[in-house]
Amino acid sequence: MFENTKQVIQRIGETDQLYLENNTAALALERADLRLQLVIFSNLRQEQIHFLQEAVVLLEQARIEHEEMPMSLYLNLSLHLAKAYMLYFEITKEQRFALITQQILKPLSQHEHSDVYFFLAYASISKNETALTRHWLSKYRKTDDFDLALLQQHPSFKAIREELWFMKLTQSKLH
């Protein structure tokens, strides 16, 4: 077992103990993030799905149970939830997980957060919705946190990299 994996598992035990003492939305976010890290470390599909299920439950509960929280924390919970569902998509190739991601994040697009736009574009391209992908990537490009390297390297956008609109979108950010 990798040293990182051992550290993550140890921290899961610690945070699960903290949960018994005082559950907070921030603690739920950390607990879910640790499980998402295990999804990345694992090579076993059943293990990955198990950790994803745990992460989704933690994130969904935190978004509902803790009514009063800073918007930044709610955004982080929602983005981690979107990440979990897109990991589900990557493992299963079931488009419903991309749809769930869109349903979670679309109401949050009014906050003009770069990661919200990126994940909406990622979910849209995963569902072969080119027009929506273009829309969300155009919004993403206008943010201060636009990451050209991420966009050019992310495997989901490979199919549209040769599209004229995509090349213009990425070139205009270079200048």
N, C-alpha and C. Protein backbone atom coordinates (compact mmCIF):
# COMPACT_ATOMS: atom_id res chain seq x y z
N MET A 1 0.85 -1.18 0.00
CA MET A 1 0.00 0.00 0.00
C MET A 1 0.89 1.24 0.00
N PHE A 2 0.54 2.22 -0.83
CA PHE A 2 1.33 3.44 -0.92
C PHE A 2 1.27 4.22 0.40
N GLU A 3 2.33 4.96 0.67
CA GLU A 3 2.37 5.77 1.89
C GLU A 3 1.22 6.77 1.91
N ASN A 4 0.94 7.39 0.76
CA ASN A 4 -0.18 8.35 0.69
C ASN A 4 -1.49 7.69 1.04
N THR A 5 -1.70 6.48 0.56
CA THR A 5 -2.93 5.76 0.84
C THR A 5 -3.07 5.50 2.34
N LYS A 6 -1.99 5.09 2.96
CA LYS A 6 -2.01 4.86 4.41
C LYS A 6 -2.35 6.14 5.17
N GLN A 7 -1.77 7.25 4.73
CA GLN A 7 -2.04 8.53 5.38
C GLN A 7 -3.50 8.93 5.22
N VAL A 8 -4.04 8.71 4.03
CA VAL A 8 -5.44 9.06 3.78
C VAL A 8 -6.35 8.19 4.65
N ILE A 9 -6.06 6.90 4.72
CA ILE A 9 -6.88 5.99 5.54
C ILE A 9 -6.80 6.37 7.01
N GLN A 10 -5.61 6.73 7.47
CA GLN A 10 -5.45 7.16 8.86
C GLN A 10 -6.26 8.42 9.12
N ARG A 11 -6.21 9.37 8.18
CA ARG A 11 -6.96 10.62 8.35
C ARG A 11 -8.47 10.37 8.30
N ILE A 12 -8.90 9.40 7.51
CA ILE A 12 -10.32 9.05 7.48
C ILE A 12 -10.76 8.60 8.88
N GLY A 13 -9.95 7.76 9.50
CA GLY A 13 -10.27 7.31 10.86
C GLY A 13 -10.36 8.47 11.83
N GLU A 14 -9.42 9.40 11.71
CA GLU A 14 -9.41 10.58 12.59
C GLU A 14 -10.64 11.45 12.36
N THR A 15 -10.96 11.70 11.09
CA THR A 15 -12.11 12.58 10.81
C THR A 15 -13.43 11.90 11.13
N ASP A 16 -13.49 10.58 10.98
CA ASP A 16 -14.71 9.86 11.36
C ASP A 16 -14.92 9.94 12.87
N GLN A 17 -13.84 9.92 13.62
CA GLN A 17 -13.93 10.09 15.08
C GLN A 17 -14.39 11.51 15.42
N LEU A 18 -13.85 12.50 14.73
CA LEU A 18 -14.27 13.89 14.94
C LEU A 18 -15.76 14.07 14.62
N TYR A 19 -16.23 13.36 13.61
CA TYR A 19 -17.65 13.41 13.23
C TYR A 19 -18.53 13.00 14.40
N LEU A 20 -18.10 11.99 15.15
CA LEU A 20 -18.89 11.53 16.30
C LEU A 20 -18.97 12.58 17.39
N GLU A 21 -17.96 13.45 17.46
CA GLU A 21 -17.92 14.48 18.48
C GLU A 21 -18.67 15.75 18.06
N ASN A 22 -18.46 16.18 16.81
CA ASN A 22 -19.09 17.41 16.34
C ASN A 22 -19.04 17.47 14.82
N ASN A 23 -20.14 17.18 14.20
CA ASN A 23 -20.19 17.19 12.74
C ASN A 23 -20.40 18.62 12.24
N THR A 24 -19.60 19.02 11.26
CA THR A 24 -19.75 20.32 10.62
C THR A 24 -19.70 20.12 9.11
N ALA A 25 -20.13 21.12 8.38
CA ALA A 25 -20.07 21.04 6.92
C ALA A 25 -18.62 20.96 6.44
N ALA A 26 -17.73 21.70 7.09
CA ALA A 26 -16.31 21.68 6.71
C ALA A 26 -15.70 20.29 6.97
N LEU A 27 -16.10 19.66 8.06
CA LEU A 27 -15.61 18.31 8.36
C LEU A 27 -16.16 17.32 7.33
N ALA A 28 -17.41 17.46 6.96
CA ALA A 28 -18.00 16.59 5.93
C ALA A 28 -17.25 16.74 4.61
N LEU A 29 -16.88 17.97 4.29
CA LEU A 29 -16.11 18.22 3.07
C LEU A 29 -14.77 17.49 3.11
N GLU A 30 -14.08 17.58 4.24
CA GLU A 30 -12.80 16.90 4.36
C GLU A 30 -12.98 15.38 4.30
N ARG A 31 -13.99 14.86 4.97
CA ARG A 31 -14.23 13.42 4.96
C ARG A 31 -14.52 12.92 3.55
N ALA A 32 -15.31 13.68 2.81
CA ALA A 32 -15.64 13.30 1.44
C ALA A 32 -14.41 13.41 0.54
N ASP A 33 -13.64 14.48 0.71
CA ASP A 33 -12.43 14.66 -0.09
C ASP A 33 -11.45 13.50 0.11
N LEU A 34 -11.32 13.04 1.32
CA LEU A 34 -10.43 11.90 1.59
C LEU A 34 -10.90 10.65 0.84
N ARG A 35 -12.19 10.45 0.80
CA ARG A 35 -12.71 9.30 0.08
C ARG A 35 -12.51 9.45 -1.43
N LEU A 36 -12.64 10.68 -1.93
CA LEU A 36 -12.38 10.91 -3.35
C LEU A 36 -10.91 10.64 -3.69
N GLN A 37 -10.03 10.94 -2.75
CA GLN A 37 -8.61 10.63 -2.97
C GLN A 37 -8.41 9.12 -3.08
N LEU A 38 -9.14 8.36 -2.26
CA LEU A 38 -9.02 6.90 -2.34
C LEU A 38 -9.54 6.37 -3.67
N VAL A 39 -10.54 7.03 -4.23
CA VAL A 39 -11.04 6.63 -5.55
C VAL A 39 -9.91 6.72 -6.57
N ILE A 40 -9.15 7.81 -6.50
CA ILE A 40 -8.05 8.03 -7.43
C ILE A 40 -6.94 6.99 -7.21
N PHE A 41 -6.66 6.68 -5.94
CA PHE A 41 -5.59 5.72 -5.63
C PHE A 41 -5.95 4.29 -6.02
N SER A 42 -7.22 3.96 -5.99
CA SER A 42 -7.66 2.58 -6.20
C SER A 42 -7.67 2.22 -7.68
N ASN A 43 -7.39 0.96 -7.96
CA ASN A 43 -7.48 0.43 -9.31
C ASN A 43 -8.64 -0.55 -9.44
N LEU A 44 -9.36 -0.77 -8.35
CA LEU A 44 -10.46 -1.73 -8.34
C LEU A 44 -11.79 -0.98 -8.47
N ARG A 45 -12.56 -1.32 -9.49
CA ARG A 45 -13.81 -0.64 -9.79
C ARG A 45 -14.78 -0.67 -8.60
N GLN A 46 -14.95 -1.84 -7.99
CA GLN A 46 -15.89 -1.95 -6.86
C GLN A 46 -15.46 -1.08 -5.68
N GLU A 47 -14.18 -1.02 -5.44
CA GLU A 47 -13.64 -0.18 -4.38
C GLU A 47 -13.90 1.29 -4.70
N GLN A 48 -13.65 1.68 -5.93
CA GLN A 48 -13.87 3.06 -6.36
C GLN A 48 -15.33 3.45 -6.17
N ILE A 49 -16.23 2.59 -6.59
CA ILE A 49 -17.66 2.88 -6.46
C ILE A 49 -18.06 2.98 -5.00
N HIS A 50 -17.51 2.13 -4.17
CA HIS A 50 -17.80 2.19 -2.73
C HIS A 50 -17.40 3.55 -2.15
N PHE A 51 -16.19 3.98 -2.44
CA PHE A 51 -15.72 5.26 -1.91
C PHE A 51 -16.51 6.43 -2.49
N LEU A 52 -16.89 6.31 -3.76
CA LEU A 52 -17.71 7.36 -4.37
C LEU A 52 -19.07 7.45 -3.68
N GLN A 53 -19.67 6.31 -3.40
CA GLN A 53 -20.96 6.32 -2.72
C GLN A 53 -20.86 6.98 -1.35
N GLU A 54 -19.81 6.67 -0.62
CA GLU A 54 -19.61 7.30 0.68
C GLU A 54 -19.44 8.81 0.54
N ALA A 55 -18.63 9.23 -0.41
CA ALA A 55 -18.39 10.66 -0.61
C ALA A 55 -19.67 11.38 -0.98
N VAL A 56 -20.45 10.80 -1.88
CA VAL A 56 -21.70 11.44 -2.31
C VAL A 56 -22.65 11.62 -1.12
N VAL A 57 -22.79 10.59 -0.30
CA VAL A 57 -23.67 10.68 0.86
C VAL A 57 -23.20 11.78 1.80
N LEU A 58 -21.91 11.83 2.08
CA LEU A 58 -21.37 12.86 2.98
C LEU A 58 -21.63 14.27 2.44
N LEU A 59 -21.41 14.46 1.15
CA LEU A 59 -21.56 15.78 0.55
C LEU A 59 -23.03 16.18 0.47
N GLU A 60 -23.89 15.25 0.07
CA GLU A 60 -25.32 15.55 -0.01
C GLU A 60 -25.87 15.89 1.37
N GLN A 61 -25.51 15.10 2.37
CA GLN A 61 -25.99 15.37 3.73
C GLN A 61 -25.52 16.73 4.23
N ALA A 62 -24.27 17.06 3.97
CA ALA A 62 -23.73 18.34 4.44
C ALA A 62 -24.45 19.51 3.78
N ARG A 63 -24.78 19.37 2.49
CA ARG A 63 -25.47 20.46 1.79
C ARG A 63 -26.88 20.66 2.35
N ILE A 64 -27.49 19.60 2.87
CA ILE A 64 -28.86 19.68 3.37
C ILE A 64 -28.90 19.98 4.87
N GLU A 65 -28.10 19.26 5.65
CA GLU A 65 -28.17 19.36 7.11
C GLU A 65 -27.71 20.69 7.68
N HIS A 66 -26.71 21.29 7.05
CA HIS A 66 -26.13 22.52 7.59
C HIS A 66 -26.67 23.70 6.80
N GLU A 67 -27.81 24.21 7.25
CA GLU A 67 -28.49 25.26 6.50
C GLU A 67 -27.70 26.56 6.46
N GLU A 68 -27.06 26.88 7.55
CA GLU A 68 -26.32 28.14 7.61
C GLU A 68 -24.83 27.86 7.44
N MET A 69 -24.31 28.27 6.29
CA MET A 69 -22.88 28.12 6.03
C MET A 69 -22.48 29.19 5.03
N PRO A 70 -21.22 29.56 5.03
CA PRO A 70 -20.76 30.54 4.04
C PRO A 70 -20.95 30.00 2.62
N MET A 71 -21.24 30.89 1.69
CA MET A 71 -21.45 30.48 0.30
C MET A 71 -20.22 29.77 -0.25
N SER A 72 -19.04 30.19 0.15
CA SER A 72 -17.82 29.55 -0.35
C SER A 72 -17.77 28.07 0.05
N LEU A 73 -18.22 27.75 1.25
CA LEU A 73 -18.24 26.36 1.71
C LEU A 73 -19.30 25.57 0.94
N TYR A 74 -20.46 26.19 0.71
CA TYR A 74 -21.51 25.52 -0.07
C TYR A 74 -21.03 25.25 -1.50
N LEU A 75 -20.32 26.22 -2.08
CA LEU A 75 -19.75 26.02 -3.42
C LEU A 75 -18.75 24.87 -3.43
N ASN A 76 -17.90 24.82 -2.42
CA ASN A 76 -16.91 23.73 -2.33
C ASN A 76 -17.58 22.37 -2.19
N LEU A 77 -18.60 22.30 -1.35
CA LEU A 77 -19.35 21.05 -1.21
C LEU A 77 -19.95 20.64 -2.56
N SER A 78 -20.52 21.59 -3.25
CA SER A 78 -21.17 21.32 -4.54
C SER A 78 -20.15 20.92 -5.59
N LEU A 79 -19.00 21.58 -5.61
CA LEU A 79 -17.96 21.23 -6.58
C LEU A 79 -17.38 19.84 -6.30
N HIS A 80 -17.22 19.50 -5.05
CA HIS A 80 -16.74 18.15 -4.72
C HIS A 80 -17.80 17.11 -5.11
N LEU A 81 -19.06 17.46 -4.94
CA LEU A 81 -20.13 16.57 -5.34
C LEU A 81 -20.11 16.38 -6.86
N ALA A 82 -19.91 17.47 -7.59
CA ALA A 82 -19.80 17.39 -9.05
C ALA A 82 -18.60 16.52 -9.44
N LYS A 83 -17.49 16.70 -8.75
CA LYS A 83 -16.30 15.89 -9.03
C LYS A 83 -16.60 14.41 -8.79
N ALA A 84 -17.32 14.11 -7.72
CA ALA A 84 -17.67 12.72 -7.42
C ALA A 84 -18.52 12.14 -8.54
N TYR A 85 -19.51 12.89 -8.99
CA TYR A 85 -20.37 12.37 -10.05
C TYR A 85 -19.62 12.24 -11.38
N MET A 86 -18.69 13.14 -11.65
CA MET A 86 -17.92 13.00 -12.88
C MET A 86 -16.93 11.84 -12.78
N LEU A 87 -16.46 11.54 -11.58
CA LEU A 87 -15.65 10.33 -11.40
C LEU A 87 -16.51 9.09 -11.64
N TYR A 88 -17.75 9.13 -11.14
CA TYR A 88 -18.70 8.05 -11.45
C TYR A 88 -18.83 7.89 -12.96
N PHE A 89 -18.98 9.03 -13.65
CA PHE A 89 -19.11 8.99 -15.11
C PHE A 89 -17.87 8.34 -15.74
N GLU A 90 -16.69 8.76 -15.30
CA GLU A 90 -15.45 8.22 -15.87
C GLU A 90 -15.35 6.71 -15.66
N ILE A 91 -15.82 6.22 -14.54
CA ILE A 91 -15.74 4.79 -14.23
C ILE A 91 -16.80 4.00 -14.98
N THR A 92 -18.02 4.54 -15.06
CA THR A 92 -19.14 3.77 -15.62
C THR A 92 -19.51 4.17 -17.04
N LYS A 93 -19.14 5.37 -17.46
CA LYS A 93 -19.53 5.94 -18.77
C LYS A 93 -21.05 6.13 -18.89
N GLU A 94 -21.74 6.21 -17.76
CA GLU A 94 -23.18 6.44 -17.75
C GLU A 94 -23.43 7.95 -17.75
N GLN A 95 -24.13 8.42 -18.80
CA GLN A 95 -24.35 9.86 -18.97
C GLN A 95 -25.21 10.47 -17.86
N ARG A 96 -25.96 9.65 -17.15
CA ARG A 96 -26.80 10.21 -16.08
C ARG A 96 -25.96 10.92 -15.02
N PHE A 97 -24.72 10.49 -14.84
CA PHE A 97 -23.87 11.14 -13.85
C PHE A 97 -23.44 12.54 -14.32
N ALA A 98 -23.25 12.70 -15.61
CA ALA A 98 -22.96 14.02 -16.15
C ALA A 98 -24.20 14.92 -16.02
N LEU A 99 -25.38 14.35 -16.23
CA LEU A 99 -26.63 15.10 -16.06
C LEU A 99 -26.80 15.56 -14.62
N ILE A 100 -26.52 14.69 -13.67
CA ILE A 100 -26.61 15.06 -12.25
C ILE A 100 -25.66 16.20 -11.95
N THR A 101 -24.45 16.14 -12.50
CA THR A 101 -23.48 17.23 -12.31
C THR A 101 -24.05 18.55 -12.81
N GLN A 102 -24.67 18.51 -14.00
CA GLN A 102 -25.28 19.73 -14.54
C GLN A 102 -26.37 20.24 -13.61
N GLN A 103 -27.19 19.34 -13.08
CA GLN A 103 -28.28 19.75 -12.21
C GLN A 103 -27.78 20.35 -10.90
N ILE A 104 -26.67 19.86 -10.42
CA ILE A 104 -26.09 20.39 -9.18
C ILE A 104 -25.51 21.79 -9.41
N LEU A 105 -24.79 21.97 -10.53
CA LEU A 105 -24.00 23.18 -10.72
C LEU A 105 -24.70 24.30 -11.48
N LYS A 106 -25.66 23.99 -12.33
CA LYS A 106 -26.28 25.05 -13.12
C LYS A 106 -26.86 26.16 -12.25
N PRO A 107 -27.56 25.84 -11.15
CA PRO A 107 -28.07 26.93 -10.30
C PRO A 107 -26.95 27.79 -9.68
N LEU A 108 -25.74 27.25 -9.63
CA LEU A 108 -24.62 27.97 -9.02
C LEU A 108 -23.83 28.78 -10.04
N SER A 109 -24.21 28.70 -11.31
CA SER A 109 -23.46 29.42 -12.36
C SER A 109 -23.56 30.93 -12.20
N GLN A 110 -24.56 31.40 -11.49
CA GLN A 110 -24.71 32.83 -11.25
C GLN A 110 -23.57 33.40 -10.41
N HIS A 111 -22.84 32.56 -9.73
CA HIS A 111 -21.73 33.01 -8.88
C HIS A 111 -20.45 33.26 -9.67
N GLU A 112 -20.48 32.94 -10.97
CA GLU A 112 -19.36 33.19 -11.87
C GLU A 112 -18.05 32.59 -11.35
N HIS A 113 -18.13 31.37 -10.87
CA HIS A 113 -16.98 30.65 -10.33
C HIS A 113 -16.37 29.80 -11.46
N SER A 114 -15.07 29.91 -11.64
CA SER A 114 -14.41 29.22 -12.75
C SER A 114 -14.61 27.71 -12.72
N ASP A 115 -14.51 27.10 -11.55
CA ASP A 115 -14.66 25.64 -11.46
C ASP A 115 -16.08 25.19 -11.79
N VAL A 116 -17.06 26.01 -11.45
CA VAL A 116 -18.44 25.70 -11.81
C VAL A 116 -18.56 25.66 -13.33
N TYR A 117 -18.03 26.67 -14.00
CA TYR A 117 -18.07 26.70 -15.46
C TYR A 117 -17.31 25.53 -16.08
N PHE A 118 -16.14 25.22 -15.53
CA PHE A 118 -15.34 24.12 -16.07
C PHE A 118 -16.10 22.79 -15.94
N PHE A 119 -16.64 22.52 -14.77
CA PHE A 119 -17.35 21.26 -14.58
C PHE A 119 -18.63 21.19 -15.41
N LEU A 120 -19.28 22.33 -15.62
CA LEU A 120 -20.45 22.33 -16.50
C LEU A 120 -20.04 22.02 -17.94
N ALA A 121 -18.90 22.55 -18.38
CA ALA A 121 -18.40 22.24 -19.72
C ALA A 121 -18.00 20.77 -19.80
N TYR A 122 -17.36 20.27 -18.78
CA TYR A 122 -16.93 18.87 -18.72
C TYR A 122 -18.15 17.94 -18.78
N ALA A 123 -19.18 18.25 -18.01
CA ALA A 123 -20.40 17.44 -18.03
C ALA A 123 -21.07 17.52 -19.40
N SER A 124 -21.08 18.72 -19.99
CA SER A 124 -21.72 18.91 -21.30
C SER A 124 -21.01 18.13 -22.40
N ILE A 125 -19.69 18.18 -22.42
CA ILE A 125 -18.95 17.44 -23.45
C ILE A 125 -19.11 15.94 -23.24
N SER A 126 -19.25 15.54 -21.99
CA SER A 126 -19.45 14.12 -21.68
C SER A 126 -20.78 13.61 -22.21
N LYS A 127 -21.73 14.53 -22.38
CA LYS A 127 -23.04 14.17 -22.93
C LYS A 127 -23.13 14.53 -24.41
N ASN A 128 -22.01 14.87 -25.02
CA ASN A 128 -21.95 15.26 -26.43
C ASN A 128 -22.81 16.48 -26.74
N GLU A 129 -22.89 17.40 -25.81
CA GLU A 129 -23.64 18.64 -26.00
C GLU A 129 -22.64 19.75 -26.34
N THR A 130 -22.29 19.81 -27.61
CA THR A 130 -21.24 20.72 -28.06
C THR A 130 -21.61 22.19 -27.84
N ALA A 131 -22.85 22.56 -28.13
CA ALA A 131 -23.25 23.96 -27.96
C ALA A 131 -23.15 24.39 -26.50
N LEU A 132 -23.60 23.54 -25.58
CA LEU A 132 -23.49 23.87 -24.16
C LEU A 132 -22.03 23.87 -23.72
N THR A 133 -21.24 22.95 -24.23
CA THR A 133 -19.81 22.92 -23.92
C THR A 133 -19.18 24.25 -24.32
N ARG A 134 -19.48 24.69 -25.51
CA ARG A 134 -18.93 25.96 -26.00
C ARG A 134 -19.38 27.13 -25.11
N HIS A 135 -20.64 27.12 -24.73
CA HIS A 135 -21.18 28.18 -23.85
C HIS A 135 -20.41 28.24 -22.53
N TRP A 136 -20.28 27.08 -21.87
CA TRP A 136 -19.62 27.06 -20.56
C TRP A 136 -18.12 27.33 -20.68
N LEU A 137 -17.49 26.86 -21.73
CA LEU A 137 -16.06 27.15 -21.91
C LEU A 137 -15.82 28.63 -22.19
N SER A 138 -16.74 29.26 -22.90
CA SER A 138 -16.61 30.71 -23.14
C SER A 138 -16.69 31.48 -21.83
N LYS A 139 -17.57 31.06 -20.96
CA LYS A 139 -17.66 31.70 -19.64
C LYS A 139 -16.41 31.40 -18.81
N TYR A 140 -15.95 30.15 -18.88
CA TYR A 140 -14.75 29.74 -18.15
C TYR A 140 -13.54 30.56 -18.60
N ARG A 141 -13.41 30.78 -19.88
CA ARG A 141 -12.27 31.52 -20.44
C ARG A 141 -12.21 32.95 -19.89
N LYS A 142 -13.34 33.53 -19.57
CA LYS A 142 -13.39 34.92 -19.10
C LYS A 142 -13.05 35.05 -17.62
N THR A 143 -12.88 33.95 -16.91
CA THR A 143 -12.57 34.03 -15.48
C THR A 143 -11.08 34.23 -15.26
N ASP A 144 -10.75 34.76 -14.10
CA ASP A 144 -9.34 34.97 -13.74
C ASP A 144 -8.60 33.65 -13.52
N ASP A 145 -9.34 32.61 -13.15
CA ASP A 145 -8.72 31.32 -12.85
C ASP A 145 -8.69 30.37 -14.04
N PHE A 146 -8.93 30.90 -15.23
CA PHE A 146 -8.89 30.07 -16.44
C PHE A 146 -7.54 29.38 -16.54
N ASP A 147 -7.56 28.07 -16.78
CA ASP A 147 -6.34 27.27 -16.86
C ASP A 147 -6.24 26.67 -18.26
N LEU A 148 -5.48 27.33 -19.11
CA LEU A 148 -5.34 26.90 -20.49
C LEU A 148 -4.74 25.50 -20.58
N ALA A 149 -3.74 25.22 -19.77
CA ALA A 149 -3.09 23.90 -19.80
C ALA A 149 -4.09 22.80 -19.44
N LEU A 150 -4.91 23.03 -18.44
CA LEU A 150 -5.91 22.05 -18.05
C LEU A 150 -6.86 21.78 -19.21
N LEU A 151 -7.30 22.82 -19.85
CA LEU A 151 -8.24 22.70 -20.96
C LEU A 151 -7.61 21.94 -22.13
N GLN A 152 -6.35 22.23 -22.42
CA GLN A 152 -5.68 21.57 -23.54
C GLN A 152 -5.30 20.13 -23.23
N GLN A 153 -5.11 19.80 -21.96
CA GLN A 153 -4.67 18.46 -21.59
C GLN A 153 -5.81 17.53 -21.17
N HIS A 154 -6.94 18.10 -20.77
CA HIS A 154 -8.04 17.27 -20.27
C HIS A 154 -8.55 16.36 -21.38
N PRO A 155 -8.56 15.04 -21.14
CA PRO A 155 -8.93 14.10 -22.21
C PRO A 155 -10.36 14.26 -22.72
N SER A 156 -11.26 14.78 -21.92
CA SER A 156 -12.65 14.91 -22.36
C SER A 156 -12.82 15.89 -23.51
N PHE A 157 -11.91 16.84 -23.62
CA PHE A 157 -12.04 17.86 -24.66
C PHE A 157 -11.25 17.52 -25.93
N LYS A 158 -10.67 16.33 -25.96
CA LYS A 158 -9.85 15.92 -27.11
C LYS A 158 -10.64 15.99 -28.42
N ALA A 159 -11.88 15.56 -28.39
CA ALA A 159 -12.69 15.49 -29.61
C ALA A 159 -12.97 16.87 -30.22
N ILE A 160 -12.88 17.92 -29.44
CA ILE A 160 -13.21 19.26 -29.97
C ILE A 160 -11.99 20.17 -30.13
N ARG A 161 -10.81 19.66 -29.82
CA ARG A 161 -9.61 20.50 -29.90
C ARG A 161 -9.33 21.03 -31.30
N GLU A 162 -9.77 20.33 -32.32
CA GLU A 162 -9.54 20.75 -33.71
C GLU A 162 -10.67 21.64 -34.24
N GLU A 163 -11.70 21.82 -33.45
CA GLU A 163 -12.82 22.69 -33.86
C GLU A 163 -12.31 24.13 -33.90
N LEU A 164 -12.75 24.88 -34.90
CA LEU A 164 -12.31 26.25 -35.07
C LEU A 164 -12.65 27.10 -33.85
N TRP A 165 -13.86 26.97 -33.34
CA TRP A 165 -14.27 27.77 -32.19
C TRP A 165 -13.41 27.47 -30.97
N PHE A 166 -13.00 26.20 -30.78
CA PHE A 166 -12.16 25.83 -29.65
C PHE A 166 -10.77 26.43 -29.80
N MET A 167 -10.22 26.35 -31.01
CA MET A 167 -8.89 26.93 -31.25
C MET A 167 -8.91 28.44 -31.02
N LYS A 168 -9.96 29.11 -31.47
CA LYS A 168 -10.09 30.56 -31.26
C LYS A 168 -10.21 30.87 -29.78
N LEU A 169 -10.98 30.06 -29.08
CA LEU A 169 -11.18 30.26 -27.64
C LEU A 169 -9.85 30.17 -26.89
N THR A 170 -9.05 29.19 -27.23
CA THR A 170 -7.78 29.01 -26.52
C THR A 170 -6.73 30.00 -27.00
N GLN A 171 -6.73 30.34 -28.29
CA GLN A 171 -5.74 31.30 -28.81
C GLN A 171 -6.00 32.69 -28.28
N SER A 172 -7.27 33.07 -28.14
CA SER A 172 -7.56 34.43 -27.68
C SER A 172 -7.07 34.63 -26.24
N LYS A 173 -6.99 33.54 -25.47
CA LYS A 173 -6.48 33.65 -24.11
C LYS A 173 -4.96 33.71 -24.08
N LEU A 174 -4.31 33.21 -25.14
CA LEU A 174 -2.86 33.28 -25.22
C LEU A 174 -2.36 34.69 -25.42
N HIS A 175 -3.15 35.50 -26.09
CA HIS A 175 -2.71 36.87 -26.43
C HIS A 175 -3.07 37.88 -25.40
